[in-house]
Amino acid sequence: MQGPHRLLLVYGALSVATVGLGCLICALADVPASIWVRNLIGWGVGLVAAVGLARLAGKRTATVLLGLSAVLVAASLFGPPQQGVHRWLAVGPLSINLALLMLPMAVVALGWTRERASSWGLALAILGLLVLQPDASQAMAFAGAVALIALRAPFSTPVRLGLAGVAAALTAFSWLRPDPLAPVPEVEEIVALAFSITPVLAVAVVVLIAATSLAPMLGTRLAGARPSGIAVPLSVHLLLTAGMTLFGAFPMPLLGIGMSPIVGFWLGVGLLAAQLRPGPSPASGS
């Protein structure tokens, strides 16, 4: 487990700094502690889940998780809407953004099983569901990762280009869907909130979220593997999720209030760590 441990350690150190700084910003902006402390709880829950995935998950597990991701993103369409937008499922007092929770793991699962036609059917179905929600941010982030995986898939060139083209077309269509939601300062505008406190803090949060998004690539290299195939698409997905906040009222992951992306990023990293395990278990485990 030395290789997976290095990946988890790199991501854990960067992500806890990012989440912690987001909580500090919220505290300085007089956001109640009962709200921002949930991010710290989410980080702990995500860590435990990631360690479990790193130790136990295998390729068959990845297949199941990709299917589960499609089912849960579809379930969001039956959750409570906000101004006609369907992205959440209510679980007790929590409102879970299922795309932010599941898609990092779905990216890794697709990369791990990219030779299977069924995996591509599920991935494109997820993109279609994101168009229906609508969620242009997650459509863009997921499609970017899907396109990278498609270009490395063991298919003919026309098929690879076709898969990437369908992903791009669905993403373009998602931007045509109206999204009436207004931004919440401590969720979507956390960087601006940091800037209002001090520009130095704003620079720090941008650097930290970028570094944390690149952690799958860095951690994979430190684990002794080439950061390609799965690590690069995962980092691209995380970077795009953060970057899309520049173009609309989309949640800023890890920094802004919201447990779903914090747990979701951990799940993606945990499944990537499982893929790095030595021996036959990752290729054929359950």
Protein backbone atom coordinates (compact mmCIF):
# COMPACT_ATOMS: atom_id res chain seq x y z
CA MET A 1 0.00 0.00 0.00
CA GLN A 2 3.05 2.31 -0.10
CA GLY A 3 2.10 3.82 -3.48
CA PRO A 4 -1.56 4.40 -2.62
CA HIS A 5 -0.57 5.80 0.77
CA ARG A 6 1.60 8.44 -0.89
CA LEU A 7 -1.27 9.55 -3.11
CA LEU A 8 -3.66 9.75 -0.15
CA LEU A 9 -1.08 11.65 1.88
CA VAL A 10 -0.40 14.24 -0.84
CA TYR A 11 -4.07 14.82 -1.54
CA GLY A 12 -4.98 14.77 2.15
CA ALA A 13 -2.42 17.40 3.10
CA LEU A 14 -3.40 19.78 0.32
CA SER A 15 -7.14 19.25 0.66
CA VAL A 16 -7.26 19.73 4.44
CA ALA A 17 -5.36 23.01 4.00
CA THR A 18 -7.86 24.10 1.35
CA VAL A 19 -10.92 23.10 3.35
CA GLY A 20 -9.49 24.65 6.49
CA LEU A 21 -8.77 27.94 4.74
CA GLY A 22 -12.31 28.00 3.38
CA CYS A 23 -13.64 27.54 6.91
CA LEU A 24 -11.41 30.37 8.14
CA ILE A 25 -12.76 32.69 5.45
CA CYS A 26 -16.33 31.81 6.44
CA ALA A 27 -15.54 32.43 10.10
CA LEU A 28 -13.99 35.82 9.31
CA ALA A 29 -17.08 36.67 7.24
CA ASP A 30 -19.37 35.85 10.19
CA VAL A 31 -20.83 32.69 8.66
CA PRO A 32 -22.16 30.63 11.60
CA ALA A 33 -19.81 27.89 12.77
CA SER A 34 -22.67 25.38 12.61
CA ILE A 35 -22.57 25.81 8.83
CA TRP A 36 -18.85 25.78 7.99
CA VAL A 37 -17.96 23.02 10.46
CA ARG A 38 -19.83 20.64 8.16
CA ASN A 39 -17.00 20.99 5.65
CA LEU A 40 -14.54 19.66 8.23
CA ILE A 41 -16.89 16.77 8.99
CA GLY A 42 -17.21 16.07 5.26
CA TRP A 43 -13.42 15.98 4.93
CA GLY A 44 -13.20 13.38 7.69
CA VAL A 45 -15.98 11.27 6.19
CA GLY A 46 -14.32 11.45 2.79
CA LEU A 47 -10.96 10.39 4.20
CA VAL A 48 -12.44 7.27 5.80
CA ALA A 49 -14.29 6.36 2.58
CA ALA A 50 -11.17 6.94 0.46
CA VAL A 51 -9.02 4.71 2.66
CA GLY A 52 -11.66 1.99 2.39
CA LEU A 53 -11.74 2.25 -1.40
CA ALA A 54 -7.95 2.27 -1.63
CA ARG A 55 -7.74 -0.95 0.36
CA LEU A 56 -10.71 -2.89 -1.00
CA ALA A 57 -11.85 -1.67 -4.42
CA GLY A 58 -10.97 -3.43 -7.65
CA LYS A 59 -11.91 -3.28 -11.30
CA ARG A 60 -15.29 -4.95 -10.77
CA THR A 61 -15.97 -2.45 -8.01
CA ALA A 62 -15.17 0.36 -10.43
CA THR A 63 -17.74 -1.02 -12.87
CA VAL A 64 -20.39 -1.11 -10.16
CA LEU A 65 -19.53 2.40 -9.00
CA LEU A 66 -19.83 3.80 -12.52
CA GLY A 67 -23.30 2.30 -12.80
CA LEU A 68 -24.21 3.59 -9.34
CA SER A 69 -23.06 7.06 -10.37
CA ALA A 70 -25.46 7.03 -13.32
CA VAL A 71 -28.33 5.83 -11.13
CA LEU A 72 -27.75 8.47 -8.46
CA VAL A 73 -27.34 11.34 -10.92
CA ALA A 74 -30.63 10.20 -12.46
CA ALA A 75 -32.19 10.16 -8.98
CA SER A 76 -31.42 13.86 -8.64
CA LEU A 77 -34.09 14.56 -11.26
CA PHE A 78 -36.66 13.37 -8.72
CA GLY A 79 -35.24 15.43 -5.86
CA PRO A 80 -36.53 18.81 -4.71
CA PRO A 81 -35.89 21.44 -7.42
CA GLN A 82 -34.58 24.95 -6.85
CA GLN A 83 -36.17 27.30 -9.38
CA GLY A 84 -36.59 24.38 -11.75
CA VAL A 85 -33.03 23.10 -11.34
CA HIS A 86 -32.64 19.45 -10.24
CA ARG A 87 -29.20 18.71 -8.75
CA TRP A 88 -29.94 17.59 -5.21
CA LEU A 89 -31.34 14.71 -3.21
CA ALA A 90 -32.54 15.37 0.33
CA VAL A 91 -31.23 12.90 2.92
CA GLY A 92 -32.52 13.96 6.33
CA PRO A 93 -31.24 17.49 7.01
CA LEU A 94 -28.67 17.25 4.19
CA SER A 95 -29.13 18.34 0.58
CA ILE A 96 -26.66 16.29 -1.45
CA ASN A 97 -25.42 17.40 -4.87
CA LEU A 98 -25.14 13.96 -6.42
CA ALA A 99 -23.03 14.99 -9.42
CA LEU A 100 -20.40 16.63 -7.22
CA LEU A 101 -20.46 13.58 -4.95
CA MET A 102 -20.22 10.85 -7.61
CA LEU A 103 -18.51 12.19 -10.72
CA PRO A 104 -14.87 12.23 -9.55
CA MET A 105 -15.25 8.53 -8.77
CA ALA A 106 -17.05 8.00 -12.10
CA VAL A 107 -14.08 9.54 -13.96
CA VAL A 108 -11.69 7.05 -12.36
CA ALA A 109 -14.09 4.16 -12.94
CA LEU A 110 -14.43 5.05 -16.62
CA GLY A 111 -10.67 5.32 -17.06
CA TRP A 112 -10.18 1.97 -15.36
CA THR A 113 -12.77 0.20 -17.55
CA ARG A 114 -12.36 2.21 -20.75
CA GLU A 115 -12.12 -0.91 -22.92
CA ARG A 116 -15.79 -1.74 -22.21
CA ALA A 117 -18.57 -0.38 -24.40
CA SER A 118 -20.99 -0.50 -21.45
CA SER A 119 -18.80 1.94 -19.52
CA TRP A 120 -19.04 4.45 -22.36
CA GLY A 121 -22.79 4.03 -22.50
CA LEU A 122 -23.01 4.88 -18.80
CA ALA A 123 -20.64 7.85 -19.13
CA LEU A 124 -22.62 9.39 -22.00
CA ALA A 125 -25.86 8.73 -20.12
CA ILE A 126 -24.45 10.68 -17.16
CA LEU A 127 -23.62 13.58 -19.47
CA GLY A 128 -27.16 13.52 -20.82
CA LEU A 129 -28.53 13.62 -17.28
CA LEU A 130 -26.35 16.62 -16.47
CA VAL A 131 -27.91 18.42 -19.44
CA LEU A 132 -31.37 17.63 -18.05
CA GLN A 133 -30.60 18.87 -14.52
CA PRO A 134 -29.20 21.33 -15.93
CA ASP A 135 -25.61 21.61 -14.67
CA ALA A 136 -23.27 23.13 -17.24
CA SER A 137 -20.40 23.18 -14.73
CA GLN A 138 -20.40 19.44 -14.09
CA ALA A 139 -21.18 18.69 -17.71
CA MET A 140 -18.09 20.65 -18.71
CA ALA A 141 -15.88 19.08 -16.04
CA PHE A 142 -17.04 15.52 -16.70
CA ALA A 143 -16.91 15.92 -20.48
CA GLY A 144 -13.35 17.23 -20.32
CA ALA A 145 -12.28 14.12 -18.44
CA VAL A 146 -14.35 11.84 -20.69
CA ALA A 147 -12.77 13.31 -23.83
CA LEU A 148 -9.26 12.73 -22.48
CA ILE A 149 -10.08 9.13 -21.60
CA ALA A 150 -11.73 8.59 -24.99
CA LEU A 151 -8.62 9.71 -26.84
CA ARG A 152 -6.63 7.00 -25.01
CA ALA A 153 -9.26 4.26 -25.24
CA PRO A 154 -8.36 1.01 -27.06
CA PHE A 155 -10.67 1.73 -30.00
CA SER A 156 -10.18 2.83 -33.59
CA THR A 157 -9.47 6.49 -34.24
CA PRO A 158 -12.99 7.24 -35.60
CA VAL A 159 -14.57 5.72 -32.50
CA ARG A 160 -12.29 7.64 -30.15
CA LEU A 161 -12.99 10.92 -31.95
CA GLY A 162 -16.69 10.12 -32.06
CA LEU A 163 -16.88 9.58 -28.30
CA ALA A 164 -15.02 12.82 -27.65
CA GLY A 165 -17.28 14.62 -30.13
CA VAL A 166 -20.48 13.39 -28.49
CA ALA A 167 -19.17 14.53 -25.10
CA ALA A 168 -18.38 17.96 -26.53
CA ALA A 169 -21.80 18.25 -28.20
CA LEU A 170 -23.65 17.38 -24.99
CA THR A 171 -21.57 19.92 -23.09
CA ALA A 172 -22.34 22.64 -25.61
CA PHE A 173 -26.04 21.86 -25.30
CA SER A 174 -25.84 22.09 -21.49
CA TRP A 175 -24.74 25.72 -21.76
CA LEU A 176 -27.94 26.51 -23.71
CA ARG A 177 -30.13 25.43 -20.80
CA PRO A 178 -31.24 28.30 -18.52
CA ASP A 179 -29.75 28.30 -15.00
CA PRO A 180 -31.60 30.86 -12.86
CA LEU A 181 -29.86 30.18 -9.55
CA ALA A 182 -28.27 33.19 -7.85
CA PRO A 183 -24.83 32.82 -6.21
CA VAL A 184 -24.44 32.47 -2.45
CA PRO A 185 -21.34 34.31 -1.17
CA GLU A 186 -20.01 31.50 1.04
CA VAL A 187 -20.68 28.84 -1.61
CA GLU A 188 -20.14 30.14 -5.13
CA GLU A 189 -18.35 33.42 -4.35
CA ILE A 190 -15.93 32.30 -1.64
CA VAL A 191 -12.91 33.68 -3.55
CA ALA A 192 -14.54 37.12 -3.79
CA LEU A 193 -15.36 36.84 -0.10
CA ALA A 194 -11.70 36.12 0.62
CA PHE A 195 -10.66 39.11 -1.51
CA SER A 196 -12.98 41.36 0.47
CA ILE A 197 -11.07 40.35 3.63
CA THR A 198 -7.60 40.70 2.07
CA PRO A 199 -6.27 40.10 -1.48
CA VAL A 200 -3.50 37.93 -0.03
CA LEU A 201 -6.12 35.49 1.21
CA ALA A 202 -7.73 35.37 -2.24
CA VAL A 203 -4.40 34.53 -3.86
CA ALA A 204 -3.80 31.81 -1.27
CA VAL A 205 -7.14 30.12 -1.91
CA VAL A 206 -6.64 30.12 -5.69
CA VAL A 207 -3.18 28.58 -5.32
CA LEU A 208 -4.46 25.95 -2.88
CA ILE A 209 -7.46 24.85 -4.93
CA ALA A 210 -5.27 24.56 -8.03
CA ALA A 211 -2.63 22.54 -6.17
CA THR A 212 -5.26 20.26 -4.62
CA SER A 213 -6.82 19.64 -8.04
CA LEU A 214 -3.41 18.65 -9.42
CA ALA A 215 -2.72 16.35 -6.44
CA PRO A 216 -3.89 13.17 -8.24
CA MET A 217 -1.18 13.71 -10.87
CA LEU A 218 1.51 14.63 -8.34
CA GLY A 219 0.56 11.88 -5.91
CA THR A 220 0.52 9.27 -8.68
CA ARG A 221 4.02 10.28 -9.77
CA LEU A 222 5.25 10.11 -6.17
CA ALA A 223 3.66 6.67 -5.91
CA GLY A 224 5.95 5.51 -8.73
CA ALA A 225 3.39 5.42 -11.54
CA ARG A 226 3.03 7.57 -14.64
CA PRO A 227 0.35 10.27 -14.05
CA SER A 228 -1.60 9.47 -17.20
CA GLY A 229 -4.57 7.35 -18.17
CA ILE A 230 -6.65 8.01 -15.06
CA ALA A 231 -4.79 10.53 -12.90
CA VAL A 232 -4.68 13.22 -15.58
CA PRO A 233 -8.43 13.06 -16.40
CA LEU A 234 -9.24 13.15 -12.68
CA SER A 235 -7.09 16.24 -12.15
CA VAL A 236 -8.67 17.88 -15.22
CA HIS A 237 -12.12 17.14 -13.82
CA LEU A 238 -11.23 18.70 -10.47
CA LEU A 239 -9.63 21.75 -12.10
CA LEU A 240 -12.62 22.34 -14.37
CA THR A 241 -15.03 21.97 -11.46
CA ALA A 242 -13.21 24.80 -9.69
CA GLY A 243 -12.63 26.84 -12.84
CA MET A 244 -16.26 26.85 -13.94
CA THR A 245 -17.05 29.17 -11.02
CA LEU A 246 -15.62 31.93 -13.22
CA PHE A 247 -18.44 31.48 -15.72
CA GLY A 248 -21.56 31.06 -13.60
CA ALA A 249 -23.11 30.58 -10.18
CA PHE A 250 -21.50 27.19 -9.56
CA PRO A 251 -20.19 25.90 -6.21
CA MET A 252 -16.49 26.36 -5.52
CA PRO A 253 -15.38 22.92 -4.33
CA LEU A 254 -13.57 22.43 -1.01
CA LEU A 255 -13.37 26.17 -0.28
CA GLY A 256 -17.07 26.99 -0.37
CA ILE A 257 -19.73 25.56 1.93
CA GLY A 258 -20.78 22.13 0.69
CA MET A 259 -19.95 18.61 1.83
CA SER A 260 -20.73 16.92 -1.49
CA PRO A 261 -17.61 18.00 -3.43
CA ILE A 262 -15.37 17.45 -0.41
CA VAL A 263 -16.50 13.84 -0.04
CA GLY A 264 -16.70 13.41 -3.81
CA PHE A 265 -13.11 14.49 -4.45
CA TRP A 266 -11.95 12.07 -1.75
CA LEU A 267 -13.92 9.22 -3.37
CA GLY A 268 -12.23 9.87 -6.71
CA VAL A 269 -8.78 9.92 -5.12
CA GLY A 270 -9.56 6.79 -3.10
CA LEU A 271 -10.57 4.82 -6.19
CA LEU A 272 -7.47 6.07 -8.01
CA ALA A 273 -5.36 4.85 -5.09
CA ALA A 274 -6.98 1.42 -5.41
CA GLN A 275 -5.90 1.32 -9.05
CA LEU A 276 -2.31 1.90 -7.91
CA ARG A 277 -2.24 -1.12 -5.59
CA PRO A 278 0.45 -3.63 -6.57
CA GLY A 279 -0.42 -7.17 -7.55
CA PRO A 280 -3.49 -8.65 -9.25
CA SER A 281 -6.09 -7.23 -6.86
CA PRO A 282 -6.78 -3.91 -8.62
CA ALA A 283 -7.21 -5.59 -11.98
CA SER A 284 -9.55 -8.31 -10.86
CA GLY A 285 -10.71 -7.54 -7.34
CA SER A 286 -14.32 -7.09 -6.30
